[in-house]
Amino acid sequence: RWSGDLTYFADSVKGRFAISRDNAKNTVYLQMNSLKPEDTAVYY
């Protein structure tokens, strides 16, 4: 949900990626940690 709750993650990124939100900027972030070569892609 755009408000930041009720999140789902693909199994391939679960535990490594997280979603957060800056309400003041109405911006959503995808924090990607422990990146692997197989994460290489264009992200949309």
ModelCIF file with pLDDT and N, C-alpha, C, O atoms, coordinates in Angstrom:
data_MODEL
#
_entry.id   MODEL 
#
_entity.id                         1 
_entity.type                       polymer 
_entity.pdbx_number_of_molecules   1 
#
_entity_poly.entity_id                      1 
_entity_poly.type                           'polypeptide(L)' 
_entity_poly.nstd_linkage                   no 
_entity_poly.nstd_monomer                   no 
_entity_poly.pdbx_seq_one_letter_code       RWSGDLTYFADSVKGRFAISRDNAKNTVYLQMNSLKPEDTAVYY 
_entity_poly.pdbx_seq_one_letter_code_can   RWSGDLTYFADSVKGRFAISRDNAKNTVYLQMNSLKPEDTAVYY 
_entity_poly.pdbx_strand_id                 A 
#
loop_
_entity_poly_seq.entity_id 
_entity_poly_seq.num 
_entity_poly_seq.mon_id 
_entity_poly_seq.hetero 
1 1  ARG n 
1 2  TRP n 
1 3  SER n 
1 4  GLY n 
1 5  ASP n 
1 6  LEU n 
1 7  THR n 
1 8  TYR n 
1 9  PHE n 
1 10 ALA n 
1 11 ASP n 
1 12 SER n 
1 13 VAL n 
1 14 LYS n 
1 15 GLY n 
1 16 ARG n 
1 17 PHE n 
1 18 ALA n 
1 19 ILE n 
1 20 SER n 
1 21 ARG n 
1 22 ASP n 
1 23 ASN n 
1 24 ALA n 
1 25 LYS n 
1 26 ASN n 
1 27 THR n 
1 28 VAL n 
1 29 TYR n 
1 30 LEU n 
1 31 GLN n 
1 32 MET n 
1 33 ASN n 
1 34 SER n 
1 35 LEU n 
1 36 LYS n 
1 37 PRO n 
1 38 GLU n 
1 39 ASP n 
1 40 THR n 
1 41 ALA n 
1 42 VAL n 
1 43 TYR n 
1 44 TYR n 
#
_struct_asym.id          A 
_struct_asym.entity_id   1 
#
loop_
_ma_qa_metric.id 
_ma_qa_metric.mode 
_ma_qa_metric.name 
_ma_qa_metric.software_group_id 
_ma_qa_metric.type 
1 global pLDDT . pLDDT 
2 local  pLDDT . pLDDT 
#
_ma_qa_metric_global.metric_id      1 
_ma_qa_metric_global.metric_value   93.16 
_ma_qa_metric_global.model_id       1 
_ma_qa_metric_global.ordinal_id     1 
#
loop_
_ma_qa_metric_local.label_asym_id 
_ma_qa_metric_local.label_comp_id 
_ma_qa_metric_local.label_seq_id 
_ma_qa_metric_local.metric_id 
_ma_qa_metric_local.metric_value 
_ma_qa_metric_local.model_id 
_ma_qa_metric_local.ordinal_id 
A ARG 1  2 90.00 1 1  
A TRP 2  2 87.00 1 2  
A SER 3  2 81.00 1 3  
A GLY 4  2 75.00 1 4  
A ASP 5  2 77.00 1 5  
A LEU 6  2 79.00 1 6  
A THR 7  2 88.00 1 7  
A TYR 8  2 94.00 1 8  
A PHE 9  2 96.00 1 9  
A ALA 10 2 97.00 1 10 
A ASP 11 2 97.00 1 11 
A SER 12 2 97.00 1 12 
A VAL 13 2 98.00 1 13 
A LYS 14 2 97.00 1 14 
A GLY 15 2 97.00 1 15 
A ARG 16 2 98.00 1 16 
A PHE 17 2 97.00 1 17 
A ALA 18 2 95.00 1 18 
A ILE 19 2 93.00 1 19 
A SER 20 2 90.00 1 20 
A ARG 21 2 91.00 1 21 
A ASP 22 2 90.00 1 22 
A ASN 23 2 86.00 1 23 
A ALA 24 2 88.00 1 24 
A LYS 25 2 88.00 1 25 
A ASN 26 2 89.00 1 26 
A THR 27 2 92.00 1 27 
A VAL 28 2 93.00 1 28 
A TYR 29 2 94.00 1 29 
A LEU 30 2 96.00 1 30 
A GLN 31 2 97.00 1 31 
A MET 32 2 98.00 1 32 
A ASN 33 2 98.00 1 33 
A SER 34 2 98.00 1 34 
A LEU 35 2 98.00 1 35 
A LYS 36 2 98.00 1 36 
A PRO 37 2 97.00 1 37 
A GLU 38 2 97.00 1 38 
A ASP 39 2 98.00 1 39 
A THR 40 2 98.00 1 40 
A ALA 41 2 98.00 1 41 
A VAL 42 2 98.00 1 42 
A TYR 43 2 98.00 1 43 
A TYR 44 2 98.00 1 44 
#
loop_
_atom_site.group_PDB 
_atom_site.id 
_atom_site.type_symbol 
_atom_site.label_atom_id 
_atom_site.label_alt_id 
_atom_site.label_comp_id 
_atom_site.label_asym_id 
_atom_site.label_entity_id 
_atom_site.label_seq_id 
_atom_site.pdbx_PDB_ins_code 
_atom_site.Cartn_x 
_atom_site.Cartn_y 
_atom_site.Cartn_z 
_atom_site.occupancy 
_atom_site.B_iso_or_equiv 
_atom_site.pdbx_formal_charge 
_atom_site.auth_seq_id 
_atom_site.auth_comp_id 
_atom_site.auth_asym_id 
_atom_site.auth_atom_id 
_atom_site.pdbx_PDB_model_num 
ATOM 1   N N  . ARG A 1 1  ? 0.845  -1.184  0.000   1.00 90.00 ? 1  ARG A N  1 
ATOM 2   C CA . ARG A 1 1  ? 0.000  0.000   0.000   1.00 90.00 ? 1  ARG A CA 1 
ATOM 3   C C  . ARG A 1 1  ? 0.885  1.239   0.000   1.00 90.00 ? 1  ARG A C  1 
ATOM 4   O O  . ARG A 1 1  ? 1.942  1.231   0.631   1.00 90.00 ? 1  ARG A O  1 
ATOM 5   N N  . TRP A 1 2  ? 0.486  2.298   -0.686  1.00 87.00 ? 2  TRP A N  1 
ATOM 6   C CA . TRP A 1 2  ? 1.334  3.486   -0.802  1.00 87.00 ? 2  TRP A CA 1 
ATOM 7   C C  . TRP A 1 2  ? 1.600  4.109   0.558   1.00 87.00 ? 2  TRP A C  1 
ATOM 8   O O  . TRP A 1 2  ? 2.608  4.793   0.737   1.00 87.00 ? 2  TRP A O  1 
ATOM 9   N N  . SER A 1 3  ? 0.714  3.885   1.516   1.00 81.00 ? 3  SER A N  1 
ATOM 10  C CA . SER A 1 3  ? 0.911  4.425   2.863   1.00 81.00 ? 3  SER A CA 1 
ATOM 11  C C  . SER A 1 3  ? 2.073  3.758   3.575   1.00 81.00 ? 3  SER A C  1 
ATOM 12  O O  . SER A 1 3  ? 2.549  4.267   4.590   1.00 81.00 ? 3  SER A O  1 
ATOM 13  N N  . GLY A 1 4  ? 2.539  2.628   3.062   1.00 75.00 ? 4  GLY A N  1 
ATOM 14  C CA . GLY A 1 4  ? 3.726  1.993   3.626   1.00 75.00 ? 4  GLY A CA 1 
ATOM 15  C C  . GLY A 1 4  ? 3.480  0.675   4.337   1.00 75.00 ? 4  GLY A C  1 
ATOM 16  O O  . GLY A 1 4  ? 4.430  -0.028  4.682   1.00 75.00 ? 4  GLY A O  1 
ATOM 17  N N  . ASP A 1 5  ? 2.235  0.334   4.557   1.00 77.00 ? 5  ASP A N  1 
ATOM 18  C CA . ASP A 1 5  ? 1.981  -0.940  5.225   1.00 77.00 ? 5  ASP A CA 1 
ATOM 19  C C  . ASP A 1 5  ? 1.580  -1.993  4.200   1.00 77.00 ? 5  ASP A C  1 
ATOM 20  O O  . ASP A 1 5  ? 1.454  -1.718  3.007   1.00 77.00 ? 5  ASP A O  1 
ATOM 21  N N  . LEU A 1 6  ? 1.388  -3.177  4.696   1.00 79.00 ? 6  LEU A N  1 
ATOM 22  C CA . LEU A 1 6  ? 0.980  -4.301  3.851   1.00 79.00 ? 6  LEU A CA 1 
ATOM 23  C C  . LEU A 1 6  ? 1.946  -4.478  2.693   1.00 79.00 ? 6  LEU A C  1 
ATOM 24  O O  . LEU A 1 6  ? 1.598  -4.224  1.540   1.00 79.00 ? 6  LEU A O  1 
ATOM 25  N N  . THR A 1 7  ? 3.156  -4.911  3.001   1.00 88.00 ? 7  THR A N  1 
ATOM 26  C CA . THR A 1 7  ? 4.171  -5.083  1.960   1.00 88.00 ? 7  THR A CA 1 
ATOM 27  C C  . THR A 1 7  ? 4.388  -6.556  1.630   1.00 88.00 ? 7  THR A C  1 
ATOM 28  O O  . THR A 1 7  ? 4.237  -7.435  2.479   1.00 88.00 ? 7  THR A O  1 
ATOM 29  N N  . TYR A 1 8  ? 4.741  -6.791  0.388   1.00 94.00 ? 8  TYR A N  1 
ATOM 30  C CA . TYR A 1 8  ? 5.080  -8.128  -0.093  1.00 94.00 ? 8  TYR A CA 1 
ATOM 31  C C  . TYR A 1 8  ? 6.442  -8.047  -0.776  1.00 94.00 ? 8  TYR A C  1 
ATOM 32  O O  . TYR A 1 8  ? 6.804  -7.023  -1.356  1.00 94.00 ? 8  TYR A O  1 
ATOM 33  N N  . PHE A 1 9  ? 7.178  -9.130  -0.698  1.00 96.00 ? 9  PHE A N  1 
ATOM 34  C CA . PHE A 1 9  ? 8.476  -9.192  -1.347  1.00 96.00 ? 9  PHE A CA 1 
ATOM 35  C C  . PHE A 1 9  ? 8.614  -10.518 -2.082  1.00 96.00 ? 9  PHE A C  1 
ATOM 36  O O  . PHE A 1 9  ? 8.098  -11.543 -1.637  1.00 96.00 ? 9  PHE A O  1 
ATOM 37  N N  . ALA A 1 10 ? 9.309  -10.485 -3.201  1.00 97.00 ? 10 ALA A N  1 
ATOM 38  C CA . ALA A 1 10 ? 9.634  -11.720 -3.900  1.00 97.00 ? 10 ALA A CA 1 
ATOM 39  C C  . ALA A 1 10 ? 10.573 -12.542 -3.028  1.00 97.00 ? 10 ALA A C  1 
ATOM 40  O O  . ALA A 1 10 ? 11.368 -11.989 -2.268  1.00 97.00 ? 10 ALA A O  1 
ATOM 41  N N  . ASP A 1 11 ? 10.481 -13.845 -3.138  1.00 97.00 ? 11 ASP A N  1 
ATOM 42  C CA . ASP A 1 11 ? 11.324 -14.715 -2.318  1.00 97.00 ? 11 ASP A CA 1 
ATOM 43  C C  . ASP A 1 11 ? 12.804 -14.427 -2.539  1.00 97.00 ? 11 ASP A C  1 
ATOM 44  O O  . ASP A 1 11 ? 13.615 -14.565 -1.623  1.00 97.00 ? 11 ASP A O  1 
ATOM 45  N N  . SER A 1 12 ? 13.150 -14.028 -3.757  1.00 97.00 ? 12 SER A N  1 
ATOM 46  C CA . SER A 1 12 ? 14.551 -13.814 -4.093  1.00 97.00 ? 12 SER A CA 1 
ATOM 47  C C  . SER A 1 12 ? 15.162 -12.603 -3.377  1.00 97.00 ? 12 SER A C  1 
ATOM 48  O O  . SER A 1 12 ? 16.385 -12.487 -3.299  1.00 97.00 ? 12 SER A O  1 
ATOM 49  N N  . VAL A 1 13 ? 14.328 -11.710 -2.860  1.00 98.00 ? 13 VAL A N  1 
ATOM 50  C CA . VAL A 1 13 ? 14.856 -10.512 -2.203  1.00 98.00 ? 13 VAL A CA 1 
ATOM 51  C C  . VAL A 1 13 ? 14.433 -10.416 -0.745  1.00 98.00 ? 13 VAL A C  1 
ATOM 52  O O  . VAL A 1 13 ? 14.878 -9.519  -0.029  1.00 98.00 ? 13 VAL A O  1 
ATOM 53  N N  . LYS A 1 14 ? 13.584 -11.325 -0.302  1.00 97.00 ? 14 LYS A N  1 
ATOM 54  C CA . LYS A 1 14 ? 13.078 -11.287 1.064   1.00 97.00 ? 14 LYS A CA 1 
ATOM 55  C C  . LYS A 1 14 ? 14.228 -11.347 2.064   1.00 97.00 ? 14 LYS A C  1 
ATOM 56  O O  . LYS A 1 14 ? 15.122 -12.187 1.955   1.00 97.00 ? 14 LYS A O  1 
ATOM 57  N N  . GLY A 1 15 ? 14.190 -10.450 3.029   1.00 97.00 ? 15 GLY A N  1 
ATOM 58  C CA . GLY A 1 15 ? 15.246 -10.384 4.026   1.00 97.00 ? 15 GLY A CA 1 
ATOM 59  C C  . GLY A 1 15 ? 16.400 -9.480  3.635   1.00 97.00 ? 15 GLY A C  1 
ATOM 60  O O  . GLY A 1 15 ? 17.224 -9.128  4.480   1.00 97.00 ? 15 GLY A O  1 
ATOM 61  N N  . ARG A 1 16 ? 16.473 -9.098  2.362   1.00 98.00 ? 16 ARG A N  1 
ATOM 62  C CA . ARG A 1 16 ? 17.546 -8.216  1.886   1.00 98.00 ? 16 ARG A CA 1 
ATOM 63  C C  . ARG A 1 16 ? 17.022 -6.849  1.471   1.00 98.00 ? 16 ARG A C  1 
ATOM 64  O O  . ARG A 1 16 ? 17.719 -5.846  1.622   1.00 98.00 ? 16 ARG A O  1 
ATOM 65  N N  . PHE A 1 17 ? 15.813 -6.800  0.957   1.00 97.00 ? 17 PHE A N  1 
ATOM 66  C CA . PHE A 1 17 ? 15.216 -5.548  0.492   1.00 97.00 ? 17 PHE A CA 1 
ATOM 67  C C  . PHE A 1 17 ? 14.129 -5.097  1.454   1.00 97.00 ? 17 PHE A C  1 
ATOM 68  O O  . PHE A 1 17 ? 13.507 -5.915  2.133   1.00 97.00 ? 17 PHE A O  1 
ATOM 69  N N  . ALA A 1 18 ? 13.907 -3.797  1.507   1.00 95.00 ? 18 ALA A N  1 
ATOM 70  C CA . ALA A 1 18 ? 12.859 -3.248  2.358   1.00 95.00 ? 18 ALA A CA 1 
ATOM 71  C C  . ALA A 1 18 ? 12.243 -2.027  1.678   1.00 95.00 ? 18 ALA A C  1 
ATOM 72  O O  . ALA A 1 18 ? 12.894 -1.352  0.880   1.00 95.00 ? 18 ALA A O  1 
ATOM 73  N N  . ILE A 1 19 ? 11.005 -1.758  1.999   1.00 93.00 ? 19 ILE A N  1 
ATOM 74  C CA . ILE A 1 19 ? 10.308 -0.581  1.486   1.00 93.00 ? 19 ILE A CA 1 
ATOM 75  C C  . ILE A 1 19 ? 10.121 0.404   2.614   1.00 93.00 ? 19 ILE A C  1 
ATOM 76  O O  . ILE A 1 19 ? 9.758  0.023   3.727   1.00 93.00 ? 19 ILE A O  1 
ATOM 77  N N  . SER A 1 20 ? 10.367 1.665   2.333   1.00 90.00 ? 20 SER A N  1 
ATOM 78  C CA . SER A 1 20 ? 10.097 2.713   3.310   1.00 90.00 ? 20 SER A CA 1 
ATOM 79  C C  . SER A 1 20 ? 9.486  3.909   2.594   1.00 90.00 ? 20 SER A C  1 
ATOM 80  O O  . SER A 1 20 ? 9.421  3.945   1.365   1.00 90.00 ? 20 SER A O  1 
ATOM 81  N N  . ARG A 1 21 ? 9.042  4.879   3.372   1.00 91.00 ? 21 ARG A N  1 
ATOM 82  C CA . ARG A 1 21 ? 8.304  5.997   2.791   1.00 91.00 ? 21 ARG A CA 1 
ATOM 83  C C  . ARG A 1 21 ? 8.646  7.275   3.539   1.00 91.00 ? 21 ARG A C  1 
ATOM 84  O O  . ARG A 1 21 ? 8.792  7.273   4.761   1.00 91.00 ? 21 ARG A O  1 
ATOM 85  N N  . ASP A 1 22 ? 8.770  8.358   2.796   1.00 90.00 ? 22 ASP A N  1 
ATOM 86  C CA . ASP A 1 22 ? 8.925  9.684   3.382   1.00 90.00 ? 22 ASP A CA 1 
ATOM 87  C C  . ASP A 1 22 ? 7.620  10.426  3.122   1.00 90.00 ? 22 ASP A C  1 
ATOM 88  O O  . ASP A 1 22 ? 7.353  10.858  2.001   1.00 90.00 ? 22 ASP A O  1 
ATOM 89  N N  . ASN A 1 23 ? 6.820  10.568  4.156   1.00 86.00 ? 23 ASN A N  1 
ATOM 90  C CA . ASN A 1 23 ? 5.503  11.175  3.978   1.00 86.00 ? 23 ASN A CA 1 
ATOM 91  C C  . ASN A 1 23 ? 5.591  12.626  3.522   1.00 86.00 ? 23 ASN A C  1 
ATOM 92  O O  . ASN A 1 23 ? 4.770  13.080  2.725   1.00 86.00 ? 23 ASN A O  1 
ATOM 93  N N  . ALA A 1 24 ? 6.576  13.348  4.022   1.00 88.00 ? 24 ALA A N  1 
ATOM 94  C CA . ALA A 1 24 ? 6.712  14.748  3.658   1.00 88.00 ? 24 ALA A CA 1 
ATOM 95  C C  . ALA A 1 24 ? 6.983  14.916  2.162   1.00 88.00 ? 24 ALA A C  1 
ATOM 96  O O  . ALA A 1 24 ? 6.534  15.880  1.542   1.00 88.00 ? 24 ALA A O  1 
ATOM 97  N N  . LYS A 1 25 ? 7.708  13.981  1.608   1.00 88.00 ? 25 LYS A N  1 
ATOM 98  C CA . LYS A 1 25 ? 8.049  14.045  0.189   1.00 88.00 ? 25 LYS A CA 1 
ATOM 99  C C  . LYS A 1 25 ? 7.137  13.167  -0.660  1.00 88.00 ? 25 LYS A C  1 
ATOM 100 O O  . LYS A 1 25 ? 7.230  13.174  -1.887  1.00 88.00 ? 25 LYS A O  1 
ATOM 101 N N  . ASN A 1 26 ? 6.256  12.410  -0.008  1.00 89.00 ? 26 ASN A N  1 
ATOM 102 C CA . ASN A 1 26 ? 5.388  11.464  -0.708  1.00 89.00 ? 26 ASN A CA 1 
ATOM 103 C C  . ASN A 1 26 ? 6.210  10.551  -1.621  1.00 89.00 ? 26 ASN A C  1 
ATOM 104 O O  . ASN A 1 26 ? 5.807  10.228  -2.738  1.00 89.00 ? 26 ASN A O  1 
ATOM 105 N N  . THR A 1 27 ? 7.349  10.156  -1.119  1.00 92.00 ? 27 THR A N  1 
ATOM 106 C CA . THR A 1 27 ? 8.296  9.343   -1.887  1.00 92.00 ? 27 THR A CA 1 
ATOM 107 C C  . THR A 1 27 ? 8.446  7.983   -1.231  1.00 92.00 ? 27 THR A C  1 
ATOM 108 O O  . THR A 1 27 ? 8.488  7.866   -0.006  1.00 92.00 ? 27 THR A O  1 
ATOM 109 N N  . VAL A 1 28 ? 8.524  6.967   -2.061  1.00 93.00 ? 28 VAL A N  1 
ATOM 110 C CA . VAL A 1 28 ? 8.722  5.605   -1.593  1.00 93.00 ? 28 VAL A CA 1 
ATOM 111 C C  . VAL A 1 28 ? 10.124 5.161   -1.961  1.00 93.00 ? 28 VAL A C  1 
ATOM 112 O O  . VAL A 1 28 ? 10.634 5.494   -3.031  1.00 93.00 ? 28 VAL A O  1 
ATOM 113 N N  . TYR A 1 29 ? 10.740 4.409   -1.068  1.00 94.00 ? 29 TYR A N  1 
ATOM 114 C CA . TYR A 1 29 ? 12.108 3.962   -1.276  1.00 94.00 ? 29 TYR A CA 1 
ATOM 115 C C  . TYR A 1 29 ? 12.178 2.432   -1.275  1.00 94.00 ? 29 TYR A C  1 
ATOM 116 O O  . TYR A 1 29 ? 11.424 1.757   -0.575  1.00 94.00 ? 29 TYR A O  1 
ATOM 117 N N  . LEU A 1 30 ? 13.086 1.919   -2.064  1.00 96.00 ? 30 LEU A N  1 
ATOM 118 C CA . LEU A 1 30 ? 13.416 0.498   -2.026  1.00 96.00 ? 30 LEU A CA 1 
ATOM 119 C C  . LEU A 1 30 ? 14.858 0.389   -1.552  1.00 96.00 ? 30 LEU A C  1 
ATOM 120 O O  . LEU A 1 30 ? 15.789 0.676   -2.304  1.00 96.00 ? 30 LEU A O  1 
ATOM 121 N N  . GLN A 1 31 ? 15.038 -0.021  -0.321  1.00 97.00 ? 31 GLN A N  1 
ATOM 122 C CA . GLN A 1 31 ? 16.372 -0.210  0.240   1.00 97.00 ? 31 GLN A CA 1 
ATOM 123 C C  . GLN A 1 31 ? 16.848 -1.609  -0.104  1.00 97.00 ? 31 GLN A C  1 
ATOM 124 O O  . GLN A 1 31 ? 16.204 -2.597  0.251   1.00 97.00 ? 31 GLN A O  1 
ATOM 125 N N  . MET A 1 32 ? 17.963 -1.691  -0.789  1.00 98.00 ? 32 MET A N  1 
ATOM 126 C CA . MET A 1 32 ? 18.477 -2.977  -1.240  1.00 98.00 ? 32 MET A CA 1 
ATOM 127 C C  . MET A 1 32 ? 19.825 -3.238  -0.568  1.00 98.00 ? 32 MET A C  1 
ATOM 128 O O  . MET A 1 32 ? 20.794 -2.512  -0.794  1.00 98.00 ? 32 MET A O  1 
ATOM 129 N N  . ASN A 1 33 ? 19.873 -4.260  0.242   1.00 98.00 ? 33 ASN A N  1 
ATOM 130 C CA . ASN A 1 33 ? 21.088 -4.633  0.960   1.00 98.00 ? 33 ASN A CA 1 
ATOM 131 C C  . ASN A 1 33 ? 21.585 -5.995  0.497   1.00 98.00 ? 33 ASN A C  1 
ATOM 132 O O  . ASN A 1 33 ? 20.859 -6.754  -0.145  1.00 98.00 ? 33 ASN A O  1 
ATOM 133 N N  . SER A 1 34 ? 22.814 -6.283  0.830   1.00 98.00 ? 34 SER A N  1 
ATOM 134 C CA . SER A 1 34 ? 23.418 -7.578  0.477   1.00 98.00 ? 34 SER A CA 1 
ATOM 135 C C  . SER A 1 34 ? 23.186 -7.915  -0.993  1.00 98.00 ? 34 SER A C  1 
ATOM 136 O O  . SER A 1 34 ? 22.762 -9.019  -1.334  1.00 98.00 ? 34 SER A O  1 
ATOM 137 N N  . LEU A 1 35 ? 23.468 -6.953  -1.844  1.00 98.00 ? 35 LEU A N  1 
ATOM 138 C CA . LEU A 1 35 ? 23.190 -7.127  -3.265  1.00 98.00 ? 35 LEU A CA 1 
ATOM 139 C C  . LEU A 1 35 ? 24.052 -8.220  -3.878  1.00 98.00 ? 35 LEU A C  1 
ATOM 140 O O  . LEU A 1 35 ? 25.201 -8.433  -3.492  1.00 98.00 ? 35 LEU A O  1 
ATOM 141 N N  . LYS A 1 36 ? 23.456 -8.900  -4.842  1.00 98.00 ? 36 LYS A N  1 
ATOM 142 C CA . LYS A 1 36 ? 24.110 -9.997  -5.541  1.00 98.00 ? 36 LYS A CA 1 
ATOM 143 C C  . LYS A 1 36 ? 24.176 -9.672  -7.039  1.00 98.00 ? 36 LYS A C  1 
ATOM 144 O O  . LYS A 1 36 ? 23.376 -8.877  -7.532  1.00 98.00 ? 36 LYS A O  1 
ATOM 145 N N  . PRO A 1 37 ? 25.106 -10.268 -7.754  1.00 97.00 ? 37 PRO A N  1 
ATOM 146 C CA . PRO A 1 37 ? 25.166 -10.025 -9.208  1.00 97.00 ? 37 PRO A CA 1 
ATOM 147 C C  . PRO A 1 37 ? 23.842 -10.320 -9.908  1.00 97.00 ? 37 PRO A C  1 
ATOM 148 O O  . PRO A 1 37 ? 23.501 -9.666  -10.893 1.00 97.00 ? 37 PRO A O  1 
ATOM 149 N N  . GLU A 1 38 ? 23.111 -11.285 -9.412  1.00 97.00 ? 38 GLU A N  1 
ATOM 150 C CA . GLU A 1 38 ? 21.823 -11.633 -10.033 1.00 97.00 ? 38 GLU A CA 1 
ATOM 151 C C  . GLU A 1 38 ? 20.744 -10.583 -9.791  1.00 97.00 ? 38 GLU A C  1 
ATOM 152 O O  . GLU A 1 38 ? 19.653 -10.682 -10.352 1.00 97.00 ? 38 GLU A O  1 
ATOM 153 N N  . ASP A 1 39 ? 21.031 -9.588  -8.972  1.00 98.00 ? 39 ASP A N  1 
ATOM 154 C CA . ASP A 1 39 ? 20.104 -8.467  -8.788  1.00 98.00 ? 39 ASP A CA 1 
ATOM 155 C C  . ASP A 1 39 ? 20.265 -7.421  -9.887  1.00 98.00 ? 39 ASP A C  1 
ATOM 156 O O  . ASP A 1 39 ? 19.486 -6.470  -9.954  1.00 98.00 ? 39 ASP A O  1 
ATOM 157 N N  . THR A 1 40 ? 21.256 -7.585  -10.737 1.00 98.00 ? 40 THR A N  1 
ATOM 158 C CA . THR A 1 40 ? 21.488 -6.635  -11.822 1.00 98.00 ? 40 THR A CA 1 
ATOM 159 C C  . THR A 1 40 ? 20.299 -6.600  -12.774 1.00 98.00 ? 40 THR A C  1 
ATOM 160 O O  . THR A 1 40 ? 19.881 -7.631  -13.301 1.00 98.00 ? 40 THR A O  1 
ATOM 161 N N  . ALA A 1 41 ? 19.764 -5.406  -12.987 1.00 98.00 ? 41 ALA A N  1 
ATOM 162 C CA . ALA A 1 41 ? 18.581 -5.237  -13.830 1.00 98.00 ? 41 ALA A CA 1 
ATOM 163 C C  . ALA A 1 41 ? 18.225 -3.765  -13.894 1.00 98.00 ? 41 ALA A C  1 
ATOM 164 O O  . ALA A 1 41 ? 18.792 -2.941  -13.177 1.00 98.00 ? 41 ALA A O  1 
ATOM 165 N N  . VAL A 1 42 ? 17.284 -3.449  -14.759 1.00 98.00 ? 42 VAL A N  1 
ATOM 166 C CA . VAL A 1 42 ? 16.640 -2.139  -14.716 1.00 98.00 ? 42 VAL A CA 1 
ATOM 167 C C  . VAL A 1 42 ? 15.466 -2.269  -13.750 1.00 98.00 ? 42 VAL A C  1 
ATOM 168 O O  . VAL A 1 42 ? 14.629 -3.160  -13.888 1.00 98.00 ? 42 VAL A O  1 
ATOM 169 N N  . TYR A 1 43 ? 15.418 -1.385  -12.790 1.00 98.00 ? 43 TYR A N  1 
ATOM 170 C CA . TYR A 1 43 ? 14.373 -1.416  -11.779 1.00 98.00 ? 43 TYR A CA 1 
ATOM 171 C C  . TYR A 1 43 ? 13.319 -0.355  -12.097 1.00 98.00 ? 43 TYR A C  1 
ATOM 172 O O  . TYR A 1 43 ? 13.640 0.791   -12.412 1.00 98.00 ? 43 TYR A O  1 
ATOM 173 N N  . TYR A 1 44 ? 12.054 -0.770  -12.006 1.00 98.00 ? 44 TYR A N  1 
ATOM 174 C CA . TYR A 1 44 ? 10.933 0.105   -12.321 1.00 98.00 ? 44 TYR A CA 1 
ATOM 175 C C  . TYR A 1 44 ? 10.038 0.280   -11.104 1.00 98.00 ? 44 TYR A C  1 
ATOM 176 O O  . TYR A 1 44 ? 9.033  0.988   -11.173 1.00 98.00 ? 44 TYR A O  1 
#
